[in-house]
Amino acid sequence: MPEIEITLEQLLESRDKRAEFQAILLRGYGTPLVSFTVNMPGKVKKNHRSETVFLAGVEAIREALAGKIVYYKLLDNITGPEGYFAVDMEVSSLKAAMCRIEEEHPLGRLMDIDVLSAPGKHVSRTTLGQQPRKCLVCGGMAAACTRSRAHPAEQLIEAVDRLLAGWEAPHDPR
């Protein structure tokens, strides 16, 4: 798979399109929505790393929500893979289930699993008493490290590679 760097403009455009699609799904299904993307540092968002994390995340989400998914769509964009799941489930239980994946799955730290309520509001971790996400590199608050650009992309990619190495070894079919 060729690795293509994306521009900030492409990233921002993909966020706008994601928000538009989320609004369409929320209006159309009237159920809470799971929006899943991959936390991938650097300018390359579509690569073997993101594909591995995405497939593992989709599997974990489908298992956690078995029998509750009323619609899903998976997209393969240059800005990274995206998954959308309209779910017939009470929103706080849904958010708790998605937080468990982010916290307990071996690749969960690389998964960005958002839950939106039917009116279109993001359901935050803190509403459930969950701690903020931790930084891949230093274990501090991820949001603070991201905002301050505390770690270079190379250091973040090395952390991603360590997580993936631990995941891929037991899952290698060879």
C-alpha atoms as a PDB file:
ATOM      1  CA  MET A   1       0.000   0.000   0.000  1.00  0.00           C
ATOM      2  CA  PRO A   2       1.564   3.307  -1.049  1.00  0.00           C
ATOM      3  CA  GLU A   3       1.873   5.751   1.818  1.00  0.00           C
ATOM      4  CA  ILE A   4       0.597   9.196   0.838  1.00  0.00           C
ATOM      5  CA  GLU A   5       1.059  12.255   3.008  1.00  0.00           C
ATOM      6  CA  ILE A   6      -2.060  14.317   3.497  1.00  0.00           C
ATOM      7  CA  THR A   7      -2.336  18.056   3.843  1.00  0.00           C
ATOM      8  CA  LEU A   8      -3.921  19.968   6.697  1.00  0.00           C
ATOM      9  CA  GLU A   9      -6.603  21.078   4.224  1.00  0.00           C
ATOM     10  CA  GLN A  10      -7.455  17.442   3.419  1.00  0.00           C
ATOM     11  CA  LEU A  11      -7.605  16.572   7.121  1.00  0.00           C
ATOM     12  CA  LEU A  12      -9.916  19.497   7.901  1.00  0.00           C
ATOM     13  CA  GLU A  13     -12.123  18.697   4.905  1.00  0.00           C
ATOM     14  CA  SER A  14     -12.440  15.081   6.059  1.00  0.00           C
ATOM     15  CA  ARG A  15     -13.504  16.272   9.538  1.00  0.00           C
ATOM     16  CA  ASP A  16     -16.197  18.470   7.987  1.00  0.00           C
ATOM     17  CA  LYS A  17     -17.455  15.597   5.826  1.00  0.00           C
ATOM     18  CA  ARG A  18     -17.445  13.287   8.858  1.00  0.00           C
ATOM     19  CA  ALA A  19     -19.561  15.761  10.841  1.00  0.00           C
ATOM     20  CA  GLU A  20     -22.008  16.085   7.921  1.00  0.00           C
ATOM     21  CA  PHE A  21     -22.334  12.313   7.574  1.00  0.00           C
ATOM     22  CA  GLN A  22     -22.782  11.906  11.326  1.00  0.00           C
ATOM     23  CA  ALA A  23     -25.640  14.445  11.248  1.00  0.00           C
ATOM     24  CA  ILE A  24     -27.300  12.585   8.359  1.00  0.00           C
ATOM     25  CA  LEU A  25     -27.087   9.259  10.197  1.00  0.00           C
ATOM     26  CA  LEU A  26     -28.336  10.721  13.477  1.00  0.00           C
ATOM     27  CA  ARG A  27     -31.349  12.280  11.726  1.00  0.00           C
ATOM     28  CA  GLY A  28     -31.999   9.216   9.607  1.00  0.00           C
ATOM     29  CA  TYR A  29     -31.842   6.555  12.307  1.00  0.00           C
ATOM     30  CA  GLY A  30     -32.693   8.516  15.447  1.00  0.00           C
ATOM     31  CA  THR A  31     -30.360   6.312  17.486  1.00  0.00           C
ATOM     32  CA  PRO A  32     -26.998   6.971  19.100  1.00  0.00           C
ATOM     33  CA  LEU A  33     -24.082   6.787  16.706  1.00  0.00           C
ATOM     34  CA  VAL A  34     -20.592   5.362  17.073  1.00  0.00           C
ATOM     35  CA  SER A  35     -18.014   7.117  14.913  1.00  0.00           C
ATOM     36  CA  PHE A  36     -14.706   5.253  14.758  1.00  0.00           C
ATOM     37  CA  THR A  37     -11.390   6.513  13.422  1.00  0.00           C
ATOM     38  CA  VAL A  38      -7.767   5.640  14.102  1.00  0.00           C
ATOM     39  CA  ASN A  39      -5.368   7.808  16.110  1.00  0.00           C
ATOM     40  CA  MET A  40      -2.438   7.812  13.685  1.00  0.00           C
ATOM     41  CA  PRO A  41       0.354  10.337  14.205  1.00  0.00           C
ATOM     42  CA  GLY A  42       2.126  11.933  11.297  1.00  0.00           C
ATOM     43  CA  LYS A  43       1.046  13.021   7.839  1.00  0.00           C
ATOM     44  CA  VAL A  44       0.333   9.504   6.531  1.00  0.00           C
ATOM     45  CA  LYS A  45      -3.069   8.373   7.790  1.00  0.00           C
ATOM     46  CA  LYS A  46      -3.752   5.454   5.441  1.00  0.00           C
ATOM     47  CA  ASN A  47      -1.178   2.703   5.825  1.00  0.00           C
ATOM     48  CA  HIS A  48      -0.628  -0.808   7.179  1.00  0.00           C
ATOM     49  CA  ARG A  49      -0.659   0.532  10.744  1.00  0.00           C
ATOM     50  CA  SER A  50      -4.025   2.276  10.439  1.00  0.00           C
ATOM     51  CA  GLU A  51      -5.546  -0.650   8.539  1.00  0.00           C
ATOM     52  CA  THR A  52      -4.491  -3.111  11.259  1.00  0.00           C
ATOM     53  CA  VAL A  53      -5.893  -0.948  14.050  1.00  0.00           C
ATOM     54  CA  PHE A  54      -9.092  -0.262  12.118  1.00  0.00           C
ATOM     55  CA  LEU A  55      -9.848  -3.919  11.403  1.00  0.00           C
ATOM     56  CA  ALA A  56      -9.203  -4.838  15.041  1.00  0.00           C
ATOM     57  CA  GLY A  57     -11.435  -1.980  16.190  1.00  0.00           C
ATOM     58  CA  VAL A  58     -14.290  -2.872  13.854  1.00  0.00           C
ATOM     59  CA  GLU A  59     -14.162  -6.454  15.121  1.00  0.00           C
ATOM     60  CA  ALA A  60     -14.201  -5.296  18.759  1.00  0.00           C
ATOM     61  CA  ILE A  61     -17.077  -2.870  18.145  1.00  0.00           C
ATOM     62  CA  ARG A  62     -19.145  -5.487  16.318  1.00  0.00           C
ATOM     63  CA  GLU A  63     -18.596  -7.993  19.146  1.00  0.00           C
ATOM     64  CA  ALA A  64     -19.486  -5.451  21.842  1.00  0.00           C
ATOM     65  CA  LEU A  65     -22.630  -4.352  19.992  1.00  0.00           C
ATOM     66  CA  ALA A  66     -23.822  -7.699  18.629  1.00  0.00           C
ATOM     67  CA  GLY A  67     -27.538  -7.520  17.899  1.00  0.00           C
ATOM     68  CA  LYS A  68     -27.698  -3.761  18.563  1.00  0.00           C
ATOM     69  CA  ILE A  69     -26.297  -2.363  15.291  1.00  0.00           C
ATOM     70  CA  VAL A  70     -29.079  -1.116  13.008  1.00  0.00           C
ATOM     71  CA  TYR A  71     -26.759   0.287  10.321  1.00  0.00           C
ATOM     72  CA  TYR A  72     -23.048   0.466   9.676  1.00  0.00           C
ATOM     73  CA  LYS A  73     -20.761   1.844   7.015  1.00  0.00           C
ATOM     74  CA  LEU A  74     -16.996   1.530   6.680  1.00  0.00           C
ATOM     75  CA  LEU A  75     -15.049   4.040   4.593  1.00  0.00           C
ATOM     76  CA  ASP A  76     -11.500   3.842   3.267  1.00  0.00           C
ATOM     77  CA  ASN A  77     -10.302   7.433   2.866  1.00  0.00           C
ATOM     78  CA  ILE A  78      -6.862   8.849   2.176  1.00  0.00           C
ATOM     79  CA  THR A  79      -7.225  10.612   5.537  1.00  0.00           C
ATOM     80  CA  GLY A  80      -7.670   7.234   7.224  1.00  0.00           C
ATOM     81  CA  PRO A  81     -10.376   4.613   7.602  1.00  0.00           C
ATOM     82  CA  GLU A  82     -13.698   5.535   9.211  1.00  0.00           C
ATOM     83  CA  GLY A  83     -16.512   3.440  10.643  1.00  0.00           C
ATOM     84  CA  TYR A  84     -20.050   4.481  11.502  1.00  0.00           C
ATOM     85  CA  PHE A  85     -22.484   2.413  13.548  1.00  0.00           C
ATOM     86  CA  ALA A  86     -26.076   3.446  14.308  1.00  0.00           C
ATOM     87  CA  VAL A  87     -26.890   1.564  17.493  1.00  0.00           C
ATOM     88  CA  ASP A  88     -30.139   0.718  19.247  1.00  0.00           C
ATOM     89  CA  MET A  89     -28.783   1.135  22.771  1.00  0.00           C
ATOM     90  CA  GLU A  90     -29.004   3.577  25.661  1.00  0.00           C
ATOM     91  CA  VAL A  91     -26.286   6.186  25.124  1.00  0.00           C
ATOM     92  CA  SER A  92     -24.445   5.981  28.465  1.00  0.00           C
ATOM     93  CA  SER A  93     -24.248   2.166  28.221  1.00  0.00           C
ATOM     94  CA  LEU A  94     -22.984   2.544  24.667  1.00  0.00           C
ATOM     95  CA  LYS A  95     -20.302   5.043  25.700  1.00  0.00           C
ATOM     96  CA  ALA A  96     -19.237   2.784  28.574  1.00  0.00           C
ATOM     97  CA  ALA A  97     -18.868  -0.155  26.161  1.00  0.00           C
ATOM     98  CA  MET A  98     -16.788   1.923  23.739  1.00  0.00           C
ATOM     99  CA  CYS A  99     -14.590   3.241  26.575  1.00  0.00           C
ATOM    100  CA  ARG A 100     -13.939  -0.376  27.614  1.00  0.00           C
ATOM    101  CA  ILE A 101     -12.656  -1.113  24.111  1.00  0.00           C
ATOM    102  CA  GLU A 102     -10.419   1.970  24.153  1.00  0.00           C
ATOM    103  CA  GLU A 103      -9.081   1.038  27.605  1.00  0.00           C
ATOM    104  CA  GLU A 104      -8.889  -2.768  27.471  1.00  0.00           C
ATOM    105  CA  HIS A 105      -8.139  -3.702  23.852  1.00  0.00           C
ATOM    106  CA  PRO A 106      -4.387  -4.072  23.210  1.00  0.00           C
ATOM    107  CA  LEU A 107      -4.702  -1.503  20.388  1.00  0.00           C
ATOM    108  CA  GLY A 108      -7.406   0.548  22.092  1.00  0.00           C
ATOM    109  CA  ARG A 109      -5.145   3.527  22.683  1.00  0.00           C
ATOM    110  CA  LEU A 110      -4.925   3.907  18.904  1.00  0.00           C
ATOM    111  CA  MET A 111      -8.704   3.809  18.482  1.00  0.00           C
ATOM    112  CA  ASP A 112     -10.818   6.948  18.566  1.00  0.00           C
ATOM    113  CA  ILE A 113     -14.346   5.719  19.241  1.00  0.00           C
ATOM    114  CA  ASP A 114     -16.763   8.617  19.616  1.00  0.00           C
ATOM    115  CA  VAL A 115     -20.371   8.254  20.706  1.00  0.00           C
ATOM    116  CA  LEU A 116     -22.928  10.828  19.629  1.00  0.00           C
ATOM    117  CA  SER A 117     -26.401  11.041  21.110  1.00  0.00           C
ATOM    118  CA  ALA A 118     -29.427  11.275  18.843  1.00  0.00           C
ATOM    119  CA  PRO A 119     -29.489  15.096  19.157  1.00  0.00           C
ATOM    120  CA  GLY A 120     -25.914  15.093  17.803  1.00  0.00           C
ATOM    121  CA  LYS A 121     -23.904  15.803  20.916  1.00  0.00           C
ATOM    122  CA  HIS A 122     -20.635  14.032  21.652  1.00  0.00           C
ATOM    123  CA  VAL A 123     -20.818  11.966  24.813  1.00  0.00           C
ATOM    124  CA  SER A 124     -17.602  12.552  26.738  1.00  0.00           C
ATOM    125  CA  ARG A 125     -15.664  10.100  28.860  1.00  0.00           C
ATOM    126  CA  THR A 126     -15.922  12.443  31.807  1.00  0.00           C
ATOM    127  CA  THR A 127     -19.737  12.200  31.864  1.00  0.00           C
ATOM    128  CA  LEU A 128     -19.198   8.562  32.884  1.00  0.00           C
ATOM    129  CA  GLY A 129     -16.478   9.392  35.384  1.00  0.00           C
ATOM    130  CA  GLN A 130     -13.803   8.047  33.025  1.00  0.00           C
ATOM    131  CA  GLN A 131     -10.283   9.419  33.110  1.00  0.00           C
ATOM    132  CA  PRO A 132      -8.984  11.346  30.089  1.00  0.00           C
ATOM    133  CA  ARG A 133      -6.969   9.365  27.544  1.00  0.00           C
ATOM    134  CA  LYS A 134      -3.250   8.950  28.232  1.00  0.00           C
ATOM    135  CA  CYS A 135      -0.385   9.943  25.985  1.00  0.00           C
ATOM    136  CA  LEU A 136       1.241   7.121  24.034  1.00  0.00           C
ATOM    137  CA  VAL A 137       4.714   8.357  24.890  1.00  0.00           C
ATOM    138  CA  CYS A 138       4.740   9.774  28.418  1.00  0.00           C
ATOM    139  CA  GLY A 139       1.474   8.588  29.973  1.00  0.00           C
ATOM    140  CA  GLY A 140       0.370  12.161  30.690  1.00  0.00           C
ATOM    141  CA  MET A 141      -2.887  13.624  29.440  1.00  0.00           C
ATOM    142  CA  ALA A 142      -3.062  12.963  25.700  1.00  0.00           C
ATOM    143  CA  ALA A 143      -5.015  16.144  24.963  1.00  0.00           C
ATOM    144  CA  ALA A 144      -2.387  18.308  26.655  1.00  0.00           C
ATOM    145  CA  CYS A 145       0.487  16.587  24.839  1.00  0.00           C
ATOM    146  CA  THR A 146      -1.332  16.897  21.518  1.00  0.00           C
ATOM    147  CA  ARG A 147      -2.120  20.599  22.018  1.00  0.00           C
ATOM    148  CA  SER A 148       1.446  21.443  23.024  1.00  0.00           C
ATOM    149  CA  ARG A 149       2.999  19.094  20.433  1.00  0.00           C
ATOM    150  CA  ALA A 150       5.083  17.681  23.286  1.00  0.00           C
ATOM    151  CA  HIS A 151       6.387  14.741  21.248  1.00  0.00           C
ATOM    152  CA  PRO A 152       7.671  14.637  17.659  1.00  0.00           C
ATOM    153  CA  ALA A 153       5.741  12.492  15.172  1.00  0.00           C
ATOM    154  CA  GLU A 154       8.667  10.051  14.931  1.00  0.00           C
ATOM    155  CA  GLN A 155       8.475   9.358  18.663  1.00  0.00           C
ATOM    156  CA  LEU A 156       4.707   8.809  18.447  1.00  0.00           C
ATOM    157  CA  ILE A 157       5.094   6.490  15.450  1.00  0.00           C
ATOM    158  CA  GLU A 158       7.681   4.452  17.393  1.00  0.00           C
ATOM    159  CA  ALA A 159       5.126   4.083  20.215  1.00  0.00           C
ATOM    160  CA  VAL A 160       2.498   2.977  17.682  1.00  0.00           C
ATOM    161  CA  ASP A 161       4.918   0.446  16.216  1.00  0.00           C
ATOM    162  CA  ARG A 162       5.608  -1.015  19.676  1.00  0.00           C
ATOM    163  CA  LEU A 163       1.878  -1.502  20.286  1.00  0.00           C
ATOM    164  CA  LEU A 164       1.412  -3.059  16.860  1.00  0.00           C
ATOM    165  CA  ALA A 165       4.382  -5.388  17.302  1.00  0.00           C
ATOM    166  CA  GLY A 166       2.805  -6.775  20.454  1.00  0.00           C
ATOM    167  CA  TRP A 167      -0.536  -7.202  18.669  1.00  0.00           C
ATOM    168  CA  GLU A 168       0.638  -8.616  15.342  1.00  0.00           C
ATOM    169  CA  ALA A 169       2.930 -11.316  16.739  1.00  0.00           C
ATOM    170  CA  PRO A 170       0.103 -13.441  18.226  1.00  0.00           C
ATOM    171  CA  HIS A 171      -2.204 -12.590  15.295  1.00  0.00           C
ATOM    172  CA  ASP A 172       0.210 -13.427  12.468  1.00  0.00           C
ATOM    173  CA  PRO A 173      -1.352 -16.268  10.419  1.00  0.00           C
ATOM    174  CA  ARG A 174       2.042 -17.486   9.141  1.00  0.00           C
END
